[in-house]
Amino acid sequence: MQTPATPPPHFMTTQEVAALIRKTPHAVRQMRHRGTGPKRGRKVGRATLYPRAAVMEWLDELEQADPLALRWVIQQS
């Protein structure tokens, strides 16, 4: 019998964001510092936590800003 899958946590750590975008945690920290990474990260103690929805929104914005990605979407239509 299968058990229902647990939903993903509401927040993601820097390491989880890095794994998602296949970058190092240092690269994610640099993107946040430069203002090019997920914008809603919050420090909690020594860790930075990102709302999962904000990370997915940021990735969608990157895709919309990429002319090559848009070309692929147009071709698929």
N, C-alpha and C. Protein backbone atom coordinates (compact mmCIF):
# COMPACT_ATOMS: atom_id res chain seq x y z
N MET A 1 0.83 -1.17 0.00
CA MET A 1 0.00 0.00 0.00
C MET A 1 0.88 1.25 0.00
N GLN A 2 0.57 2.19 -0.86
CA GLN A 2 1.35 3.42 -0.93
C GLN A 2 0.87 4.42 0.10
N THR A 3 1.83 5.10 0.69
CA THR A 3 1.47 6.17 1.62
C THR A 3 1.47 7.49 0.86
N PRO A 4 0.64 8.42 1.24
CA PRO A 4 0.63 9.69 0.54
C PRO A 4 1.96 10.41 0.69
N ALA A 5 2.38 11.05 -0.38
CA ALA A 5 3.65 11.78 -0.33
C ALA A 5 3.50 13.00 0.57
N THR A 6 4.55 13.28 1.30
CA THR A 6 4.52 14.47 2.14
C THR A 6 4.80 15.69 1.27
N PRO A 7 4.09 16.77 1.50
CA PRO A 7 4.33 17.96 0.69
C PRO A 7 5.72 18.52 0.97
N PRO A 8 6.30 19.20 -0.01
CA PRO A 8 7.61 19.79 0.24
C PRO A 8 7.50 20.87 1.31
N PRO A 9 8.58 21.10 2.04
CA PRO A 9 8.54 22.13 3.08
C PRO A 9 8.29 23.50 2.47
N HIS A 10 7.70 24.38 3.25
CA HIS A 10 7.37 25.73 2.78
C HIS A 10 8.63 26.56 2.49
N PHE A 11 9.70 26.31 3.24
CA PHE A 11 10.94 27.06 3.07
C PHE A 11 12.04 26.17 2.55
N MET A 12 12.96 26.78 1.80
CA MET A 12 14.12 26.07 1.27
C MET A 12 15.38 26.71 1.84
N THR A 13 16.37 25.89 2.13
CA THR A 13 17.66 26.39 2.58
C THR A 13 18.48 26.82 1.37
N THR A 14 19.57 27.50 1.63
CA THR A 14 20.48 27.90 0.55
C THR A 14 20.99 26.66 -0.19
N GLN A 15 21.27 25.60 0.54
CA GLN A 15 21.77 24.37 -0.07
C GLN A 15 20.71 23.75 -0.99
N GLU A 16 19.45 23.79 -0.58
CA GLU A 16 18.38 23.23 -1.40
C GLU A 16 18.17 24.05 -2.68
N VAL A 17 18.24 25.37 -2.55
CA VAL A 17 18.12 26.23 -3.74
C VAL A 17 19.29 25.94 -4.68
N ALA A 18 20.48 25.83 -4.13
CA ALA A 18 21.66 25.55 -4.94
C ALA A 18 21.52 24.22 -5.68
N ALA A 19 21.04 23.20 -5.01
CA ALA A 19 20.86 21.90 -5.66
C ALA A 19 19.81 21.99 -6.76
N LEU A 20 18.76 22.76 -6.54
CA LEU A 20 17.69 22.91 -7.52
C LEU A 20 18.20 23.55 -8.81
N ILE A 21 19.06 24.56 -8.69
CA ILE A 21 19.55 25.26 -9.88
C ILE A 21 20.94 24.78 -10.31
N ARG A 22 21.43 23.75 -9.64
CA ARG A 22 22.72 23.12 -9.97
C ARG A 22 23.88 24.11 -9.89
N LYS A 23 23.87 24.86 -8.82
CA LYS A 23 24.95 25.79 -8.50
C LYS A 23 25.44 25.49 -7.10
N THR A 24 26.52 26.13 -6.71
CA THR A 24 27.03 25.95 -5.35
C THR A 24 26.26 26.87 -4.40
N PRO A 25 26.24 26.53 -3.11
CA PRO A 25 25.63 27.44 -2.14
C PRO A 25 26.30 28.82 -2.17
N HIS A 26 27.61 28.86 -2.40
CA HIS A 26 28.31 30.14 -2.49
C HIS A 26 27.75 30.98 -3.65
N ALA A 27 27.48 30.35 -4.78
CA ALA A 27 26.92 31.07 -5.93
C ALA A 27 25.54 31.64 -5.59
N VAL A 28 24.73 30.89 -4.86
CA VAL A 28 23.40 31.37 -4.47
C VAL A 28 23.56 32.57 -3.54
N ARG A 29 24.50 32.49 -2.60
CA ARG A 29 24.73 33.61 -1.69
C ARG A 29 25.17 34.85 -2.46
N GLN A 30 26.05 34.67 -3.45
CA GLN A 30 26.51 35.78 -4.27
C GLN A 30 25.36 36.40 -5.06
N MET A 31 24.48 35.55 -5.63
CA MET A 31 23.33 36.06 -6.38
C MET A 31 22.42 36.87 -5.47
N ARG A 32 22.21 36.38 -4.26
CA ARG A 32 21.37 37.12 -3.31
C ARG A 32 22.00 38.46 -2.97
N HIS A 33 23.31 38.45 -2.72
CA HIS A 33 24.03 39.68 -2.38
C HIS A 33 23.96 40.69 -3.52
N ARG A 34 24.06 40.22 -4.76
CA ARG A 34 24.04 41.11 -5.94
C ARG A 34 22.62 41.51 -6.36
N GLY A 35 21.62 40.87 -5.75
CA GLY A 35 20.25 41.19 -6.10
C GLY A 35 19.73 40.45 -7.32
N THR A 36 20.43 39.40 -7.74
CA THR A 36 20.00 38.65 -8.92
C THR A 36 19.41 37.29 -8.55
N GLY A 37 19.40 36.96 -7.28
CA GLY A 37 18.88 35.67 -6.84
C GLY A 37 17.47 35.81 -6.30
N PRO A 38 16.98 34.74 -5.66
CA PRO A 38 15.65 34.81 -5.03
C PRO A 38 15.61 35.99 -4.06
N LYS A 39 14.59 36.79 -4.16
CA LYS A 39 14.58 38.07 -3.44
C LYS A 39 14.01 38.00 -2.02
N ARG A 40 13.31 36.97 -1.69
CA ARG A 40 12.63 36.97 -0.40
C ARG A 40 13.31 36.09 0.64
N GLY A 41 14.60 35.87 0.51
CA GLY A 41 15.32 35.10 1.51
C GLY A 41 15.40 35.85 2.82
N ARG A 42 15.28 35.14 3.93
CA ARG A 42 15.32 35.75 5.26
C ARG A 42 16.30 34.99 6.13
N LYS A 43 17.08 35.75 6.88
CA LYS A 43 18.00 35.14 7.82
C LYS A 43 17.22 34.64 9.03
N VAL A 44 17.46 33.41 9.39
CA VAL A 44 16.90 32.81 10.59
C VAL A 44 18.09 32.19 11.32
N GLY A 45 18.55 32.89 12.35
CA GLY A 45 19.78 32.46 12.98
C GLY A 45 20.93 32.66 12.00
N ARG A 46 21.68 31.60 11.74
CA ARG A 46 22.78 31.68 10.80
C ARG A 46 22.38 31.25 9.40
N ALA A 47 21.18 30.70 9.26
CA ALA A 47 20.73 30.18 7.96
C ALA A 47 19.88 31.21 7.23
N THR A 48 19.89 31.13 5.91
CA THR A 48 18.97 31.92 5.10
C THR A 48 17.92 30.96 4.56
N LEU A 49 16.66 31.31 4.76
CA LEU A 49 15.55 30.48 4.28
C LEU A 49 14.80 31.25 3.21
N TYR A 50 14.40 30.53 2.16
CA TYR A 50 13.68 31.11 1.04
C TYR A 50 12.31 30.45 0.94
N PRO A 51 11.23 31.24 0.85
CA PRO A 51 9.93 30.62 0.62
C PRO A 51 9.95 29.88 -0.73
N ARG A 52 9.51 28.64 -0.74
CA ARG A 52 9.54 27.83 -1.96
C ARG A 52 8.82 28.54 -3.11
N ALA A 53 7.68 29.17 -2.82
CA ALA A 53 6.92 29.87 -3.87
C ALA A 53 7.75 31.00 -4.47
N ALA A 54 8.52 31.71 -3.65
CA ALA A 54 9.35 32.81 -4.15
C ALA A 54 10.47 32.29 -5.04
N VAL A 55 11.04 31.15 -4.70
CA VAL A 55 12.09 30.56 -5.53
C VAL A 55 11.52 30.15 -6.88
N MET A 56 10.35 29.52 -6.88
CA MET A 56 9.74 29.09 -8.14
C MET A 56 9.34 30.31 -8.98
N GLU A 57 8.86 31.36 -8.33
CA GLU A 57 8.52 32.60 -9.03
C GLU A 57 9.76 33.21 -9.67
N TRP A 58 10.87 33.23 -8.94
CA TRP A 58 12.13 33.75 -9.45
C TRP A 58 12.59 32.96 -10.67
N LEU A 59 12.48 31.63 -10.61
CA LEU A 59 12.87 30.81 -11.75
C LEU A 59 11.97 31.07 -12.96
N ASP A 60 10.68 31.26 -12.72
CA ASP A 60 9.75 31.60 -13.81
C ASP A 60 10.13 32.95 -14.44
N GLU A 61 10.49 33.91 -13.61
CA GLU A 61 10.90 35.23 -14.12
C GLU A 61 12.15 35.11 -14.97
N LEU A 62 13.10 34.28 -14.55
CA LEU A 62 14.31 34.07 -15.34
C LEU A 62 13.98 33.46 -16.69
N GLU A 63 13.07 32.51 -16.69
CA GLU A 63 12.68 31.87 -17.95
C GLU A 63 11.99 32.87 -18.88
N GLN A 64 11.12 33.71 -18.32
CA GLN A 64 10.42 34.71 -19.14
C GLN A 64 11.39 35.75 -19.71
N ALA A 65 12.47 36.02 -19.01
CA ALA A 65 13.44 37.01 -19.46
C ALA A 65 14.44 36.44 -20.47
N ASP A 66 14.46 35.13 -20.65
CA ASP A 66 15.42 34.47 -21.53
C ASP A 66 14.83 34.34 -22.94
N PRO A 67 15.36 35.07 -23.92
CA PRO A 67 14.79 35.00 -25.26
C PRO A 67 14.89 33.61 -25.88
N LEU A 68 15.91 32.84 -25.54
CA LEU A 68 16.02 31.49 -26.09
C LEU A 68 14.94 30.57 -25.52
N ALA A 69 14.64 30.74 -24.24
CA ALA A 69 13.57 29.93 -23.64
C ALA A 69 12.23 30.28 -24.27
N LEU A 70 12.00 31.56 -24.51
CA LEU A 70 10.75 31.99 -25.13
C LEU A 70 10.64 31.45 -26.55
N ARG A 71 11.74 31.39 -27.28
CA ARG A 71 11.73 30.85 -28.63
C ARG A 71 11.28 29.40 -28.61
N TRP A 72 11.75 28.63 -27.63
CA TRP A 72 11.36 27.23 -27.52
C TRP A 72 9.87 27.11 -27.23
N VAL A 73 9.33 27.96 -26.37
CA VAL A 73 7.91 27.94 -26.01
C VAL A 73 7.07 28.27 -27.24
N ILE A 74 7.50 29.25 -28.02
CA ILE A 74 6.75 29.65 -29.22
C ILE A 74 6.74 28.51 -30.24
N GLN A 75 7.85 27.81 -30.39
CA GLN A 75 7.93 26.71 -31.34
C GLN A 75 7.03 25.56 -30.93
N GLN A 76 6.83 25.37 -29.63
CA GLN A 76 6.02 24.27 -29.13
C GLN A 76 4.52 24.55 -29.31
N SER A 77 4.15 25.82 -29.50
CA SER A 77 2.73 26.19 -29.62
C SER A 77 2.15 25.80 -30.96
